[in-house]
């Protein structure tokens, strides 16, 4: 199942906060599609997700927006310690 997160118009760190809430509850066969128009999220969200053991793919749309696909790696254990200040 794909869980869509609309972050169009949301500045950082809001996309990361929205993604984090969903990612830590993500099932093995589920993935998140985070839609953003804020290029800062292209660095922050994928880096955070990869550091937590998720697989990340980024797709650019024709409207200067991006879709960040995040799914749980099946072979790795995900570090679910939450650290947000």
PDB file of N, CA and C in Angstrom:
ATOM      1  N   UNK A   1       0.842  -1.164   0.000  1.00  0.00           N
ATOM      2  CA  UNK A   1       0.000   0.000   0.000  1.00  0.00           C
ATOM      3  C   UNK A   1       0.897   1.240   0.000  1.00  0.00           C
ATOM      4  N   UNK A   2       0.494   2.245  -0.777  1.00  0.00           N
ATOM      5  CA  UNK A   2       1.215   3.522  -0.819  1.00  0.00           C
ATOM      6  C   UNK A   2       0.457   4.527   0.034  1.00  0.00           C
ATOM      7  N   UNK A   3       1.182   5.147   0.956  1.00  0.00           N
ATOM      8  CA  UNK A   3       0.617   6.174   1.819  1.00  0.00           C
ATOM      9  C   UNK A   3       1.102   7.520   1.294  1.00  0.00           C
ATOM     10  N   UNK A   4       0.178   8.352   0.821  1.00  0.00           N
ATOM     11  CA  UNK A   4       0.534   9.661   0.270  1.00  0.00           C
ATOM     12  C   UNK A   4       0.570  10.715   1.367  1.00  0.00           C
ATOM     13  N   UNK A   5       1.610  11.544   1.328  1.00  0.00           N
ATOM     14  CA  UNK A   5       1.744  12.656   2.252  1.00  0.00           C
ATOM     15  C   UNK A   5       1.901  13.923   1.416  1.00  0.00           C
ATOM     16  N   UNK A   6       0.937  14.829   1.527  1.00  0.00           N
ATOM     17  CA  UNK A   6       0.964  16.073   0.773  1.00  0.00           C
ATOM     18  C   UNK A   6       1.706  17.137   1.570  1.00  0.00           C
ATOM     19  N   UNK A   7       2.863  17.532   1.066  1.00  0.00           N
ATOM     20  CA  UNK A   7       3.657  18.577   1.723  1.00  0.00           C
ATOM     21  C   UNK A   7       3.856  19.764   0.788  1.00  0.00           C
ATOM     22  N   UNK A   8       2.986  19.901  -0.201  1.00  0.00           N
ATOM     23  CA  UNK A   8       3.080  21.034  -1.119  1.00  0.00           C
ATOM     24  C   UNK A   8       2.837  22.315  -0.317  1.00  0.00           C
ATOM     25  N   UNK A   9       3.792  23.232  -0.396  1.00  0.00           N
ATOM     26  CA  UNK A   9       3.691  24.492   0.316  1.00  0.00           C
ATOM     27  C   UNK A   9       4.236  24.462   1.735  1.00  0.00           C
ATOM     28  N   UNK A  10       4.612  23.282   2.220  1.00  0.00           N
ATOM     29  CA  UNK A  10       5.138  23.154   3.580  1.00  0.00           C
ATOM     30  C   UNK A  10       6.648  23.386   3.592  1.00  0.00           C
ATOM     31  N   UNK A  11       7.142  24.364   4.389  1.00  0.00           N
ATOM     32  CA  UNK A  11       8.587  24.571   4.502  1.00  0.00           C
ATOM     33  C   UNK A  11       9.198  23.552   5.458  1.00  0.00           C
ATOM     34  N   UNK A  12      10.506  23.396   5.383  1.00  0.00           N
ATOM     35  CA  UNK A  12      11.208  22.502   6.307  1.00  0.00           C
ATOM     36  C   UNK A  12      11.138  23.077   7.706  1.00  0.00           C
ATOM     37  N   UNK A  13      11.016  22.245   8.680  1.00  0.00           N
ATOM     38  CA  UNK A  13      11.123  20.789   8.721  1.00  0.00           C
ATOM     39  C   UNK A  13       9.777  20.054   8.675  1.00  0.00           C
ATOM     40  N   UNK A  14       8.701  20.719   8.263  1.00  0.00           N
ATOM     41  CA  UNK A  14       7.378  20.093   8.285  1.00  0.00           C
ATOM     42  C   UNK A  14       7.325  18.796   7.469  1.00  0.00           C
ATOM     43  N   UNK A  15       7.894  18.722   6.240  1.00  0.00           N
ATOM     44  CA  UNK A  15       7.862  17.438   5.519  1.00  0.00           C
ATOM     45  C   UNK A  15       8.539  16.307   6.299  1.00  0.00           C
ATOM     46  N   UNK A  16       9.642  16.606   6.961  1.00  0.00           N
ATOM     47  CA  UNK A  16      10.334  15.591   7.753  1.00  0.00           C
ATOM     48  C   UNK A  16       9.463  15.133   8.923  1.00  0.00           C
ATOM     49  N   UNK A  17       8.830  16.051   9.597  1.00  0.00           N
ATOM     50  CA  UNK A  17       7.973  15.704  10.732  1.00  0.00           C
ATOM     51  C   UNK A  17       6.801  14.848  10.280  1.00  0.00           C
ATOM     52  N   UNK A  18       6.163  15.231   9.156  1.00  0.00           N
ATOM     53  CA  UNK A  18       5.041  14.447   8.634  1.00  0.00           C
ATOM     54  C   UNK A  18       5.498  13.048   8.220  1.00  0.00           C
ATOM     55  N   UNK A  19       6.647  12.973   7.557  1.00  0.00           N
ATOM     56  CA  UNK A  19       7.168  11.675   7.106  1.00  0.00           C
ATOM     57  C   UNK A  19       7.523  10.797   8.294  1.00  0.00           C
ATOM     58  N   UNK A  20       8.170  11.380   9.285  1.00  0.00           N
ATOM     59  CA  UNK A  20       8.611  10.603  10.441  1.00  0.00           C
ATOM     60  C   UNK A  20       7.437   9.943  11.152  1.00  0.00           C
ATOM     61  N   UNK A  21       6.356  10.664  11.312  1.00  0.00           N
ATOM     62  CA  UNK A  21       5.175  10.114  11.991  1.00  0.00           C
ATOM     63  C   UNK A  21       4.639   8.875  11.270  1.00  0.00           C
ATOM     64  N   UNK A  22       4.649   8.915   9.943  1.00  0.00           N
ATOM     65  CA  UNK A  22       4.138   7.782   9.157  1.00  0.00           C
ATOM     66  C   UNK A  22       5.165   6.661   9.016  1.00  0.00           C
ATOM     67  N   UNK A  23       6.434   7.019   8.844  1.00  0.00           N
ATOM     68  CA  UNK A  23       7.473   6.021   8.571  1.00  0.00           C
ATOM     69  C   UNK A  23       7.682   5.037   9.711  1.00  0.00           C
ATOM     70  N   UNK A  24       7.607   5.512  10.920  1.00  0.00           N
ATOM     71  CA  UNK A  24       7.883   4.633  12.040  1.00  0.00           C
ATOM     72  C   UNK A  24       6.778   3.600  12.258  1.00  0.00           C
ATOM     73  N   UNK A  25       5.640   3.784  11.598  1.00  0.00           N
ATOM     74  CA  UNK A  25       4.539   2.824  11.667  1.00  0.00           C
ATOM     75  C   UNK A  25       4.402   2.027  10.365  1.00  0.00           C
ATOM     76  N   UNK A  26       5.347   2.198   9.462  1.00  0.00           N
ATOM     77  CA  UNK A  26       5.275   1.610   8.128  1.00  0.00           C
ATOM     78  C   UNK A  26       5.450   0.099   8.158  1.00  0.00           C
ATOM     79  N   UNK A  27       4.549  -0.616   7.480  1.00  0.00           N
ATOM     80  CA  UNK A  27       4.664  -2.064   7.352  1.00  0.00           C
ATOM     81  C   UNK A  27       5.700  -2.429   6.305  1.00  0.00           C
ATOM     82  N   UNK A  28       6.101  -3.691   6.279  1.00  0.00           N
ATOM     83  CA  UNK A  28       7.155  -4.140   5.361  1.00  0.00           C
ATOM     84  C   UNK A  28       6.777  -3.930   3.903  1.00  0.00           C
ATOM     85  N   UNK A  29       5.529  -4.156   3.539  1.00  0.00           N
ATOM     86  CA  UNK A  29       5.134  -4.040   2.136  1.00  0.00           C
ATOM     87  C   UNK A  29       4.597  -2.651   1.790  1.00  0.00           C
ATOM     88  N   UNK A  30       4.556  -1.743   2.765  1.00  0.00           N
ATOM     89  CA  UNK A  30       4.042  -0.398   2.524  1.00  0.00           C
ATOM     90  C   UNK A  30       5.152   0.548   2.103  1.00  0.00           C
ATOM     91  N   UNK A  31       4.748   1.633   1.453  1.00  0.00           N
ATOM     92  CA  UNK A  31       5.695   2.694   1.153  1.00  0.00           C
ATOM     93  C   UNK A  31       4.997   4.036   1.235  1.00  0.00           C
ATOM     94  N   UNK A  32       5.793   5.069   1.416  1.00  0.00           N
ATOM     95  CA  UNK A  32       5.284   6.429   1.510  1.00  0.00           C
ATOM     96  C   UNK A  32       5.660   7.173   0.245  1.00  0.00           C
ATOM     97  N   UNK A  33       4.737   7.998  -0.226  1.00  0.00           N
ATOM     98  CA  UNK A  33       5.017   8.922  -1.315  1.00  0.00           C
ATOM     99  C   UNK A  33       4.799  10.325  -0.762  1.00  0.00           C
ATOM    100  N   UNK A  34       5.895  11.015  -0.480  1.00  0.00           N
ATOM    101  CA  UNK A  34       5.835  12.363   0.052  1.00  0.00           C
ATOM    102  C   UNK A  34       5.980  13.329  -1.109  1.00  0.00           C
ATOM    103  N   UNK A  35       4.960  14.165  -1.322  1.00  0.00           N
ATOM    104  CA  UNK A  35       4.992  15.141  -2.410  1.00  0.00           C
ATOM    105  C   UNK A  35       5.378  16.497  -1.835  1.00  0.00           C
ATOM    106  N   UNK A  36       6.389  17.131  -2.430  1.00  0.00           N
ATOM    107  CA  UNK A  36       6.882  18.406  -1.931  1.00  0.00           C
ATOM    108  C   UNK A  36       7.276  19.324  -3.080  1.00  0.00           C
ATOM    109  N   UNK A  37       7.220  20.616  -2.814  1.00  0.00           N
ATOM    110  CA  UNK A  37       7.727  21.611  -3.759  1.00  0.00           C
ATOM    111  C   UNK A  37       8.870  22.408  -3.118  1.00  0.00           C
ATOM    112  N   UNK A  38       9.341  21.932  -1.987  1.00  0.00           N
ATOM    113  CA  UNK A  38      10.395  22.618  -1.239  1.00  0.00           C
ATOM    114  C   UNK A  38      11.688  21.823  -1.399  1.00  0.00           C
ATOM    115  N   UNK A  39      12.654  22.382  -2.129  1.00  0.00           N
ATOM    116  CA  UNK A  39      13.868  21.612  -2.449  1.00  0.00           C
ATOM    117  C   UNK A  39      14.718  21.260  -1.233  1.00  0.00           C
ATOM    118  N   UNK A  40      14.542  21.957  -0.138  1.00  0.00           N
ATOM    119  CA  UNK A  40      15.268  21.606   1.093  1.00  0.00           C
ATOM    120  C   UNK A  40      14.880  20.200   1.556  1.00  0.00           C
ATOM    121  N   UNK A  41      13.623  19.826   1.356  1.00  0.00           N
ATOM    122  CA  UNK A  41      13.142  18.497   1.754  1.00  0.00           C
ATOM    123  C   UNK A  41      13.817  17.394   0.950  1.00  0.00           C
ATOM    124  N   UNK A  42      14.344  17.723  -0.234  1.00  0.00           N
ATOM    125  CA  UNK A  42      15.032  16.723  -1.066  1.00  0.00           C
ATOM    126  C   UNK A  42      16.317  16.228  -0.421  1.00  0.00           C
ATOM    127  N   UNK A  43      16.886  17.006   0.451  1.00  0.00           N
ATOM    128  CA  UNK A  43      18.096  16.597   1.164  1.00  0.00           C
ATOM    129  C   UNK A  43      17.770  16.032   2.538  1.00  0.00           C
ATOM    130  N   UNK A  44      16.945  16.737   3.273  1.00  0.00           N
ATOM    131  CA  UNK A  44      16.690  16.381   4.668  1.00  0.00           C
ATOM    132  C   UNK A  44      15.931  15.064   4.814  1.00  0.00           C
ATOM    133  N   UNK A  45      14.820  14.917   4.079  1.00  0.00           N
ATOM    134  CA  UNK A  45      13.980  13.722   4.240  1.00  0.00           C
ATOM    135  C   UNK A  45      14.693  12.453   3.778  1.00  0.00           C
ATOM    136  N   UNK A  46      15.276  12.416   2.563  1.00  0.00           N
ATOM    137  CA  UNK A  46      15.977  11.195   2.151  1.00  0.00           C
ATOM    138  C   UNK A  46      17.158  10.835   3.049  1.00  0.00           C
ATOM    139  N   UNK A  47      17.918  11.838   3.489  1.00  0.00           N
ATOM    140  CA  UNK A  47      19.062  11.561   4.358  1.00  0.00           C
ATOM    141  C   UNK A  47      18.595  10.934   5.675  1.00  0.00           C
ATOM    142  N   UNK A  48      17.567  11.501   6.267  1.00  0.00           N
ATOM    143  CA  UNK A  48      17.033  10.970   7.522  1.00  0.00           C
ATOM    144  C   UNK A  48      16.529   9.540   7.310  1.00  0.00           C
ATOM    145  N   UNK A  49      15.762   9.327   6.237  1.00  0.00           N
ATOM    146  CA  UNK A  49      15.188   7.998   5.975  1.00  0.00           C
ATOM    147  C   UNK A  49      16.278   6.956   5.729  1.00  0.00           C
ATOM    148  N   UNK A  50      17.290   7.304   4.950  1.00  0.00           N
ATOM    149  CA  UNK A  50      18.390   6.356   4.691  1.00  0.00           C
ATOM    150  C   UNK A  50      19.148   6.029   5.969  1.00  0.00           C
ATOM    151  N   UNK A  51      19.354   7.029   6.811  1.00  0.00           N
ATOM    152  CA  UNK A  51      20.042   6.791   8.083  1.00  0.00           C
ATOM    153  C   UNK A  51      19.237   5.881   9.001  1.00  0.00           C
ATOM    154  N   UNK A  52      17.942   5.842   8.824  1.00  0.00           N
ATOM    155  CA  UNK A  52      17.076   4.973   9.617  1.00  0.00           C
ATOM    156  C   UNK A  52      16.895   3.600   8.967  1.00  0.00           C
ATOM    157  N   UNK A  53      17.498   3.383   7.790  1.00  0.00           N
ATOM    158  CA  UNK A  53      17.453   2.078   7.143  1.00  0.00           C
ATOM    159  C   UNK A  53      16.371   1.912   6.103  1.00  0.00           C
ATOM    160  N   UNK A  54      15.793   3.013   5.628  1.00  0.00           N
ATOM    161  CA  UNK A  54      14.762   2.945   4.594  1.00  0.00           C
ATOM    162  C   UNK A  54      15.384   3.102   3.212  1.00  0.00           C
ATOM    163  N   UNK A  55      14.710   2.584   2.205  1.00  0.00           N
ATOM    164  CA  UNK A  55      15.117   2.755   0.815  1.00  0.00           C
ATOM    165  C   UNK A  55      14.393   3.991   0.279  1.00  0.00           C
ATOM    166  N   UNK A  56      15.117   4.843  -0.457  1.00  0.00           N
ATOM    167  CA  UNK A  56      14.551   6.108  -0.932  1.00  0.00           C
ATOM    168  C   UNK A  56      14.753   6.252  -2.432  1.00  0.00           C
ATOM    169  N   UNK A  57      13.694   6.687  -3.121  1.00  0.00           N
ATOM    170  CA  UNK A  57      13.768   7.041  -4.538  1.00  0.00           C
ATOM    171  C   UNK A  57      13.079   8.387  -4.709  1.00  0.00           C
ATOM    172  N   UNK A  58      13.632   9.233  -5.591  1.00  0.00           N
ATOM    173  CA  UNK A  58      13.069  10.562  -5.819  1.00  0.00           C
ATOM    174  C   UNK A  58      12.682  10.699  -7.285  1.00  0.00           C
ATOM    175  N   UNK A  59      11.478  11.226  -7.498  1.00  0.00           N
ATOM    176  CA  UNK A  59      10.968  11.445  -8.856  1.00  0.00           C
ATOM    177  C   UNK A  59      10.607  12.919  -8.987  1.00  0.00           C
ATOM    178  N   UNK A  60      11.108  13.568 -10.045  1.00  0.00           N
ATOM    179  CA  UNK A  60      10.766  14.965 -10.287  1.00  0.00           C
ATOM    180  C   UNK A  60       9.559  15.023 -11.210  1.00  0.00           C
ATOM    181  N   UNK A  61       8.605  15.899 -10.888  1.00  0.00           N
ATOM    182  CA  UNK A  61       7.428  16.072 -11.734  1.00  0.00           C
ATOM    183  C   UNK A  61       7.654  17.284 -12.641  1.00  0.00           C
ATOM    184  N   UNK A  62       6.840  17.462 -13.670  1.00  0.00           N
ATOM    185  CA  UNK A  62       7.020  18.607 -14.575  1.00  0.00           C
ATOM    186  C   UNK A  62       6.660  19.958 -13.948  1.00  0.00           C
ATOM    187  N   UNK A  63       6.146  19.963 -12.734  1.00  0.00           N
ATOM    188  CA  UNK A  63       5.657  21.198 -12.115  1.00  0.00           C
ATOM    189  C   UNK A  63       6.579  21.708 -11.003  1.00  0.00           C
ATOM    190  N   UNK A  64       7.876  21.400 -11.077  1.00  0.00           N
ATOM    191  CA  UNK A  64       8.848  21.769 -10.050  1.00  0.00           C
ATOM    192  C   UNK A  64       8.430  21.265  -8.676  1.00  0.00           C
ATOM    193  N   UNK A  65       7.917  20.062  -8.687  1.00  0.00           N
ATOM    194  CA  UNK A  65       7.566  19.351  -7.465  1.00  0.00           C
ATOM    195  C   UNK A  65       8.266  18.002  -7.521  1.00  0.00           C
ATOM    196  N   UNK A  66       8.399  17.373  -6.373  1.00  0.00           N
ATOM    197  CA  UNK A  66       9.067  16.088  -6.298  1.00  0.00           C
ATOM    198  C   UNK A  66       8.237  15.107  -5.504  1.00  0.00           C
ATOM    199  N   UNK A  67       8.394  13.837  -5.847  1.00  0.00           N
ATOM    200  CA  UNK A  67       7.800  12.749  -5.079  1.00  0.00           C
ATOM    201  C   UNK A  67       8.953  11.954  -4.486  1.00  0.00           C
ATOM    202  N   UNK A  68       8.950  11.845  -3.184  1.00  0.00           N
ATOM    203  CA  UNK A  68       9.978  11.084  -2.485  1.00  0.00           C
ATOM    204  C   UNK A  68       9.335   9.786  -2.020  1.00  0.00           C
ATOM    205  N   UNK A  69       9.765   8.665  -2.617  1.00  0.00           N
ATOM    206  CA  UNK A  69       9.230   7.353  -2.262  1.00  0.00           C
ATOM    207  C   UNK A  69      10.137   6.727  -1.210  1.00  0.00           C
ATOM    208  N   UNK A  70       9.538   6.299  -0.135  1.00  0.00           N
ATOM    209  CA  UNK A  70      10.305   5.720   0.969  1.00  0.00           C
ATOM    210  C   UNK A  70       9.673   4.400   1.356  1.00  0.00           C
ATOM    211  N   UNK A  71      10.497   3.360   1.425  1.00  0.00           N
ATOM    212  CA  UNK A  71       9.977   2.069   1.880  1.00  0.00           C
ATOM    213  C   UNK A  71      11.000   1.371   2.758  1.00  0.00           C
ATOM    214  N   UNK A  72      10.493   0.482   3.565  1.00  0.00           N
ATOM    215  CA  UNK A  72      11.322  -0.251   4.513  1.00  0.00           C
ATOM    216  C   UNK A  72      12.179  -1.271   3.766  1.00  0.00           C
ATOM    217  N   UNK A  73      13.466  -1.297   4.100  1.00  0.00           N
ATOM    218  CA  UNK A  73      14.354  -2.326   3.560  1.00  0.00           C
ATOM    219  C   UNK A  73      13.998  -3.648   4.228  1.00  0.00           C
ATOM    220  N   UNK A  74      13.841  -4.691   3.460  1.00  0.00           N
ATOM    221  CA  UNK A  74      13.444  -5.977   4.029  1.00  0.00           C
ATOM    222  C   UNK A  74      14.591  -6.693   4.724  1.00  0.00           C
ATOM    223  N   UNK A  75      15.825  -6.432   4.307  1.00  0.00           N
ATOM    224  CA  UNK A  75      16.960  -7.164   4.867  1.00  0.00           C
ATOM    225  C   UNK A  75      17.573  -6.471   6.081  1.00  0.00           C
ATOM    226  N   UNK A  76      17.283  -5.191   6.259  1.00  0.00           N
ATOM    227  CA  UNK A  76      17.898  -4.449   7.348  1.00  0.00           C
ATOM    228  C   UNK A  76      16.870  -4.203   8.445  1.00  0.00           C
ATOM    229  N   UNK A  77      17.370  -4.125   9.656  1.00  0.00           N
ATOM    230  CA  UNK A  77      16.520  -3.730  10.765  1.00  0.00           C
ATOM    231  C   UNK A  77      16.516  -2.214  10.829  1.00  0.00           C
ATOM    232  N   UNK A  78      15.354  -1.618  10.977  1.00  0.00           N
ATOM    233  CA  UNK A  78      15.227  -0.174  10.967  1.00  0.00           C
ATOM    234  C   UNK A  78      15.452   0.366  12.375  1.00  0.00           C
ATOM    235  N   UNK A  79      16.294   1.372  12.471  1.00  0.00           N
ATOM    236  CA  UNK A  79      16.544   2.051  13.736  1.00  0.00           C
ATOM    237  C   UNK A  79      15.396   3.022  13.971  1.00  0.00           C
ATOM    238  N   UNK A  80      14.528   2.708  14.943  1.00  0.00           N
ATOM    239  CA  UNK A  80      13.327   3.509  15.132  1.00  0.00           C
ATOM    240  C   UNK A  80      13.443   4.506  16.279  1.00  0.00           C
ATOM    241  N   UNK A  81      14.637   4.809  16.697  1.00  0.00           N
ATOM    242  CA  UNK A  81      14.815   5.814  17.731  1.00  0.00           C
ATOM    243  C   UNK A  81      14.487   7.186  17.153  1.00  0.00           C
ATOM    244  N   UNK A  82      13.593   7.911  17.777  1.00  0.00           N
ATOM    245  CA  UNK A  82      13.151   9.201  17.287  1.00  0.00           C
ATOM    246  C   UNK A  82      13.956  10.298  17.966  1.00  0.00           C
ATOM    247  N   UNK A  83      14.591  11.134  17.137  1.00  0.00           N
ATOM    248  CA  UNK A  83      15.365  12.257  17.683  1.00  0.00           C
ATOM    249  C   UNK A  83      14.980  13.503  16.912  1.00  0.00           C
ATOM    250  N   UNK A  84      14.048  14.267  17.457  1.00  0.00           N
ATOM    251  CA  UNK A  84      13.677  15.564  16.901  1.00  0.00           C
ATOM    252  C   UNK A  84      13.755  16.581  18.023  1.00  0.00           C
ATOM    253  N   UNK A  85      14.340  17.696  17.744  1.00  0.00           N
ATOM    254  CA  UNK A  85      14.456  18.737  18.771  1.00  0.00           C
ATOM    255  C   UNK A  85      13.494  19.853  18.479  1.00  0.00           C
TER     256      UNK A  85
END
